[in-house]
C-alpha atoms as a PDB file:
ATOM      1  CA  MET A   1    -127.589 296.371-108.825  1.00  0.00           C
ATOM      2  CA  ALA A   2    -129.140 299.561-110.177  1.00  0.00           C
ATOM      3  CA  SER A   3    -126.286 301.658-108.785  1.00  0.00           C
ATOM      4  CA  ALA A   4    -123.740 299.540-110.668  1.00  0.00           C
ATOM      5  CA  SER A   5    -125.380 300.308-114.001  1.00  0.00           C
ATOM      6  CA  LYS A   6    -125.410 304.042-113.246  1.00  0.00           C
ATOM      7  CA  ASN A   7    -121.641 304.060-112.717  1.00  0.00           C
ATOM      8  CA  ARG A   8    -120.895 302.668-116.162  1.00  0.00           C
ATOM      9  CA  ARG A   9    -119.389 305.127-118.553  1.00  0.00           C
ATOM     10  CA  SER A  10    -120.763 305.439-122.030  1.00  0.00           C
ATOM     11  CA  ARG A  11    -118.427 305.427-124.988  1.00  0.00           C
ATOM     12  CA  LYS A  12    -118.508 308.267-127.406  1.00  0.00           C
ATOM     13  CA  ARG A  13    -118.383 307.426-131.060  1.00  0.00           C
ATOM     14  CA  ARG A  14    -115.850 309.174-133.185  1.00  0.00           C
ATOM     15  CA  PRO A  15    -117.526 311.226-135.885  1.00  0.00           C
ATOM     16  CA  ASP A  16    -116.798 310.170-139.440  1.00  0.00           C
ATOM     17  CA  ALA A  17    -115.455 312.624-141.999  1.00  0.00           C
ATOM     18  CA  ALA A  18    -118.876 313.253-143.562  1.00  0.00           C
ATOM     19  CA  GLY A  19    -120.521 313.830-140.201  1.00  0.00           C
ATOM     20  CA  ALA A  20    -117.748 316.118-139.006  1.00  0.00           C
ATOM     21  CA  ALA A  21    -117.911 318.226-142.154  1.00  0.00           C
ATOM     22  CA  ALA A  22    -121.690 318.537-141.923  1.00  0.00           C
ATOM     23  CA  LYS A  23    -121.634 319.973-138.366  1.00  0.00           C
ATOM     24  CA  PRO A  24    -121.411 323.735-138.102  1.00  0.00           C
ATOM     25  CA  ALA A  25    -117.985 324.873-136.992  1.00  0.00           C
ATOM     26  CA  SER A  26    -117.628 327.332-134.142  1.00  0.00           C
ATOM     27  CA  THR A  27    -113.998 328.351-134.578  1.00  0.00           C
ATOM     28  CA  GLY A  28    -112.106 329.683-137.553  1.00  0.00           C
ATOM     29  CA  ALA A  29    -109.665 326.751-137.612  1.00  0.00           C
ATOM     30  CA  SER A  30    -112.438 324.182-137.722  1.00  0.00           C
ATOM     31  CA  LYS A  31    -114.201 326.189-140.463  1.00  0.00           C
ATOM     32  CA  SER A  32    -111.140 325.977-142.665  1.00  0.00           C
ATOM     33  CA  ALA A  33    -110.766 322.260-141.920  1.00  0.00           C
ATOM     34  CA  SER A  34    -114.365 321.573-142.930  1.00  0.00           C
ATOM     35  CA  ALA A  35    -113.925 323.661-146.068  1.00  0.00           C
ATOM     36  CA  ALA A  36    -110.820 321.654-146.974  1.00  0.00           C
ATOM     37  CA  ALA A  37    -112.705 318.406-146.411  1.00  0.00           C
ATOM     38  CA  SER A  38    -115.572 319.510-148.664  1.00  0.00           C
ATOM     39  CA  LYS A  39    -113.079 320.612-151.359  1.00  0.00           C
ATOM     40  CA  ALA A  40    -111.414 317.184-151.203  1.00  0.00           C
ATOM     41  CA  ARG A  41    -114.791 315.502-151.732  1.00  0.00           C
ATOM     42  CA  GLN A  42    -115.536 317.773-154.694  1.00  0.00           C
ATOM     43  CA  LYS A  43    -112.193 316.945-156.383  1.00  0.00           C
ATOM     44  CA  GLN A  44    -113.028 313.243-156.546  1.00  0.00           C
ATOM     45  CA  PRO A  45    -114.135 312.022-159.960  1.00  0.00           C
ATOM     46  CA  PRO A  46    -117.815 311.117-160.190  1.00  0.00           C
ATOM     47  CA  GLY A  47    -118.409 307.499-159.300  1.00  0.00           C
ATOM     48  CA  ALA A  48    -115.265 307.258-157.162  1.00  0.00           C
ATOM     49  CA  SER A  49    -116.149 306.236-153.656  1.00  0.00           C
ATOM     50  CA  THR A  50    -114.047 306.389-150.540  1.00  0.00           C
ATOM     51  CA  ARG A  51    -116.716 304.906-148.308  1.00  0.00           C
ATOM     52  CA  ARG A  52    -116.293 301.219-147.652  1.00  0.00           C
ATOM     53  CA  SER A  53    -120.042 300.681-147.357  1.00  0.00           C
ATOM     54  CA  GLU A  54    -120.879 301.585-150.959  1.00  0.00           C
ATOM     55  CA  ARG A  55    -121.207 298.704-153.410  1.00  0.00           C
ATOM     56  CA  PRO A  56    -119.101 299.142-156.566  1.00  0.00           C
ATOM     57  CA  GLN A  57    -121.038 300.149-159.635  1.00  0.00           C
ATOM     58  CA  ALA A  58    -121.043 298.131-162.830  1.00  0.00           C
ATOM     59  CA  PRO A  59    -119.779 299.713-166.060  1.00  0.00           C
ATOM     60  CA  TRP A  60    -123.399 299.657-167.291  1.00  0.00           C
ATOM     61  CA  HIS A  61    -124.565 301.244-164.008  1.00  0.00           C
ATOM     62  CA  PRO A  62    -128.101 302.464-164.640  1.00  0.00           C
ATOM     63  CA  LEU A  63    -129.058 299.082-166.117  1.00  0.00           C
ATOM     64  CA  PRO A  64    -129.109 296.215-163.562  1.00  0.00           C
ATOM     65  CA  LEU A  65    -127.831 293.705-166.128  1.00  0.00           C
ATOM     66  CA  SER A  66    -126.466 291.111-163.678  1.00  0.00           C
ATOM     67  CA  GLU A  67    -129.678 291.075-161.680  1.00  0.00           C
ATOM     68  CA  ILE A  68    -131.714 290.717-164.870  1.00  0.00           C
ATOM     69  CA  LEU A  69    -129.525 287.766-165.931  1.00  0.00           C
ATOM     70  CA  ILE A  70    -130.006 286.093-162.561  1.00  0.00           C
ATOM     71  CA  LEU A  71    -133.786 286.590-162.757  1.00  0.00           C
ATOM     72  CA  ILE A  72    -134.065 285.279-166.332  1.00  0.00           C
ATOM     73  CA  GLY A  73    -131.878 282.277-165.499  1.00  0.00           C
ATOM     74  CA  ALA A  74    -133.911 281.488-162.396  1.00  0.00           C
ATOM     75  CA  ILE A  75    -137.161 281.694-164.349  1.00  0.00           C
ATOM     76  CA  ALA A  76    -135.763 279.438-167.094  1.00  0.00           C
ATOM     77  CA  THR A  77    -134.595 276.901-164.506  1.00  0.00           C
ATOM     78  CA  VAL A  78    -137.966 276.842-162.728  1.00  0.00           C
ATOM     79  CA  VAL A  79    -139.839 276.512-166.037  1.00  0.00           C
ATOM     80  CA  ALA A  80    -137.539 273.652-167.055  1.00  0.00           C
ATOM     81  CA  LEU A  81    -138.052 271.848-163.755  1.00  0.00           C
ATOM     82  CA  ARG A  82    -141.837 272.288-163.603  1.00  0.00           C
ATOM     83  CA  HIS A  83    -142.964 271.977-167.206  1.00  0.00           C
ATOM     84  CA  HIS A  84    -140.223 270.144-169.071  1.00  0.00           C
ATOM     85  CA  PRO A  85    -138.351 267.900-166.625  1.00  0.00           C
ATOM     86  CA  GLU A  86    -137.105 265.650-169.430  1.00  0.00           C
ATOM     87  CA  GLU A  87    -135.514 268.542-171.334  1.00  0.00           C
ATOM     88  CA  ARG A  88    -132.161 269.346-169.811  1.00  0.00           C
ATOM     89  CA  ALA A  89    -131.135 272.041-172.291  1.00  0.00           C
ATOM     90  CA  LEU A  90    -133.392 274.759-170.833  1.00  0.00           C
ATOM     91  CA  MET A  91    -132.309 273.912-167.304  1.00  0.00           C
ATOM     92  CA  VAL A  92    -128.621 274.006-168.263  1.00  0.00           C
ATOM     93  CA  VAL A  93    -129.089 277.349-170.024  1.00  0.00           C
ATOM     94  CA  GLY A  94    -130.910 278.744-166.991  1.00  0.00           C
ATOM     95  CA  LEU A  95    -128.202 277.597-164.597  1.00  0.00           C
ATOM     96  CA  VAL A  96    -125.436 278.972-166.836  1.00  0.00           C
ATOM     97  CA  VAL A  97    -127.167 282.359-167.084  1.00  0.00           C
ATOM     98  CA  VAL A  98    -127.607 282.487-163.287  1.00  0.00           C
ATOM     99  CA  GLY A  99    -123.942 281.539-162.917  1.00  0.00           C
ATOM    100  CA  ILE A 100    -122.783 284.302-165.271  1.00  0.00           C
ATOM    101  CA  GLY A 101    -124.798 286.959-163.440  1.00  0.00           C
ATOM    102  CA  THR A 102    -123.645 285.744-160.050  1.00  0.00           C
ATOM    103  CA  PHE A 103    -120.015 285.501-161.146  1.00  0.00           C
ATOM    104  CA  GLU A 104    -120.069 289.081-162.451  1.00  0.00           C
ATOM    105  CA  VAL A 105    -121.432 290.498-159.197  1.00  0.00           C
ATOM    106  CA  THR A 106    -119.058 288.488-157.016  1.00  0.00           C
ATOM    107  CA  TRP A 107    -116.027 289.348-159.160  1.00  0.00           C
ATOM    108  CA  ARG A 108    -116.883 293.066-159.159  1.00  0.00           C
ATOM    109  CA  GLU A 109    -117.339 293.138-155.378  1.00  0.00           C
ATOM    110  CA  HIS A 110    -114.211 291.054-154.779  1.00  0.00           C
ATOM    111  CA  SER A 111    -111.864 292.914-157.123  1.00  0.00           C
ATOM    112  CA  SER A 112    -112.932 296.306-155.793  1.00  0.00           C
ATOM    113  CA  GLY A 113    -112.329 295.315-152.168  1.00  0.00           C
ATOM    114  CA  PHE A 114    -115.970 295.662-151.165  1.00  0.00           C
ATOM    115  CA  ARG A 115    -116.614 292.093-150.013  1.00  0.00           C
ATOM    116  CA  SER A 116    -114.494 288.963-150.121  1.00  0.00           C
ATOM    117  CA  HIS A 117    -115.809 286.122-152.267  1.00  0.00           C
ATOM    118  CA  THR A 118    -112.511 284.230-152.282  1.00  0.00           C
ATOM    119  CA  ILE A 119    -113.858 280.722-151.731  1.00  0.00           C
ATOM    120  CA  LEU A 120    -116.632 281.043-154.311  1.00  0.00           C
ATOM    121  CA  LEU A 121    -114.288 282.510-156.929  1.00  0.00           C
ATOM    122  CA  ALA A 122    -111.574 279.919-156.210  1.00  0.00           C
ATOM    123  CA  LEU A 123    -114.094 277.126-156.766  1.00  0.00           C
ATOM    124  CA  VAL A 124    -114.948 278.318-160.304  1.00  0.00           C
ATOM    125  CA  PRO A 125    -111.642 277.185-161.930  1.00  0.00           C
ATOM    126  CA  VAL A 126    -111.767 273.942-159.925  1.00  0.00           C
ATOM    127  CA  LEU A 127    -115.276 273.240-161.209  1.00  0.00           C
ATOM    128  CA  ALA A 128    -114.209 274.056-164.764  1.00  0.00           C
ATOM    129  CA  PHE A 129    -111.097 271.849-164.542  1.00  0.00           C
ATOM    130  CA  HIS A 130    -112.951 268.905-163.040  1.00  0.00           C
ATOM    131  CA  SER A 131    -115.804 269.172-165.552  1.00  0.00           C
ATOM    132  CA  LEU A 132    -113.389 269.428-168.469  1.00  0.00           C
ATOM    133  CA  ALA A 133    -111.402 266.418-167.243  1.00  0.00           C
ATOM    134  CA  ILE A 134    -114.576 264.334-166.929  1.00  0.00           C
ATOM    135  CA  ALA A 135    -115.787 265.483-170.364  1.00  0.00           C
ATOM    136  CA  ILE A 136    -112.479 264.549-172.004  1.00  0.00           C
ATOM    137  CA  ALA A 137    -112.415 261.190-170.232  1.00  0.00           C
ATOM    138  CA  SER A 138    -116.025 260.579-171.304  1.00  0.00           C
ATOM    139  CA  ALA A 139    -115.051 261.029-174.932  1.00  0.00           C
ATOM    140  CA  PHE A 140    -112.681 258.054-174.747  1.00  0.00           C
ATOM    141  CA  THR A 141    -114.050 255.811-171.990  1.00  0.00           C
ATOM    142  CA  ASN A 142    -116.768 255.614-169.382  1.00  0.00           C
ATOM    143  CA  PRO A 143    -115.211 257.384-166.348  1.00  0.00           C
ATOM    144  CA  THR A 144    -115.908 255.838-162.990  1.00  0.00           C
ATOM    145  CA  VAL A 145    -116.092 257.295-159.524  1.00  0.00           C
ATOM    146  CA  LEU A 146    -112.465 256.279-159.081  1.00  0.00           C
ATOM    147  CA  PHE A 147    -111.481 258.763-161.786  1.00  0.00           C
ATOM    148  CA  SER A 148    -113.167 261.583-159.829  1.00  0.00           C
ATOM    149  CA  ILE A 149    -111.363 260.489-156.678  1.00  0.00           C
ATOM    150  CA  VAL A 150    -108.037 260.543-158.533  1.00  0.00           C
ATOM    151  CA  LEU A 151    -108.788 264.126-159.618  1.00  0.00           C
ATOM    152  CA  LEU A 152    -109.383 265.344-156.038  1.00  0.00           C
ATOM    153  CA  PRO A 153    -105.704 266.094-155.194  1.00  0.00           C
ATOM    154  CA  PHE A 154    -105.413 268.123-158.410  1.00  0.00           C
ATOM    155  CA  ASP A 155    -108.666 269.926-157.582  1.00  0.00           C
ATOM    156  CA  PHE A 156    -107.388 270.717-154.100  1.00  0.00           C
ATOM    157  CA  ALA A 157    -104.034 272.013-155.377  1.00  0.00           C
ATOM    158  CA  LEU A 158    -105.775 274.231-157.927  1.00  0.00           C
ATOM    159  CA  PHE A 159    -108.150 275.514-155.244  1.00  0.00           C
ATOM    160  CA  VAL A 160    -105.317 276.416-152.860  1.00  0.00           C
ATOM    161  CA  PHE A 161    -103.397 278.181-155.642  1.00  0.00           C
ATOM    162  CA  CYS A 162    -106.444 280.205-156.746  1.00  0.00           C
ATOM    163  CA  PHE A 163    -107.426 280.943-153.143  1.00  0.00           C
ATOM    164  CA  LYS A 164    -104.032 282.469-152.362  1.00  0.00           C
ATOM    165  CA  LEU A 165    -104.032 284.599-155.511  1.00  0.00           C
ATOM    166  CA  LEU A 166    -107.590 285.823-155.004  1.00  0.00           C
ATOM    167  CA  ARG A 167    -107.073 286.531-151.310  1.00  0.00           C
ATOM    168  CA  ALA A 168    -103.978 288.631-152.047  1.00  0.00           C
ATOM    169  CA  ARG A 169    -105.903 290.517-154.746  1.00  0.00           C
ATOM    170  CA  PHE A 170    -108.760 291.213-152.356  1.00  0.00           C
ATOM    171  CA  LEU A 171    -106.473 292.441-149.564  1.00  0.00           C
ATOM    172  CA  ASP A 172    -104.720 294.819-151.979  1.00  0.00           C
ATOM    173  CA  ALA A 173    -108.042 296.133-153.246  1.00  0.00           C
ATOM    174  CA  ARG A 174    -109.380 296.502-149.694  1.00  0.00           C
ATOM    175  CA  GLN A 175    -106.319 298.500-148.696  1.00  0.00           C
ATOM    176  CA  LEU A 176    -106.723 300.799-151.703  1.00  0.00           C
ATOM    177  CA  ARG A 177    -110.429 301.180-150.936  1.00  0.00           C
ATOM    178  CA  THR A 178    -109.729 301.989-147.288  1.00  0.00           C
ATOM    179  CA  LEU A 179    -107.168 304.611-148.223  1.00  0.00           C
ATOM    180  CA  GLY A 180    -109.640 306.177-150.618  1.00  0.00           C
ATOM    181  CA  HIS A 181    -107.699 305.694-153.837  1.00  0.00           C
ATOM    182  CA  ARG A 182    -110.446 303.731-155.458  1.00  0.00           C
END
């Protein structure tokens, strides 16, 4: 059994562009190749990233605005639940603020090709449509559960439509990110 493990061949990892440029070159041709690679990195505008592992920066980059919104909304929601359970306004405000911060982060990551949030983003218009339909129906009558069931095919159609659009947008952005144009 031990002899079988000795005969296994190890795989070598291919060096990435940054690692290859950082190694000292021994020949003249490889020196010029590493110099060309470092020049290409220097020509990129600041903030442009060709690495797929870097999270996209917000337009207000030094300030973590989305994270602050999520924290404030979470605190407001917890305060509303613990100290004022009968007051729904503070809880609704807290949940809306958390939703805005979360939506901004997910949209930024999705539209830049960093990480796919297709399902979450496709559910946002469905939630808005369903809530608006219930609110309008509530203005005229008392909507029943049957009304929500009738809305389900429309919700599903809207979800599928948004899913396809968002997925195509993500794949385009991912391709641009992989090629280094973003």
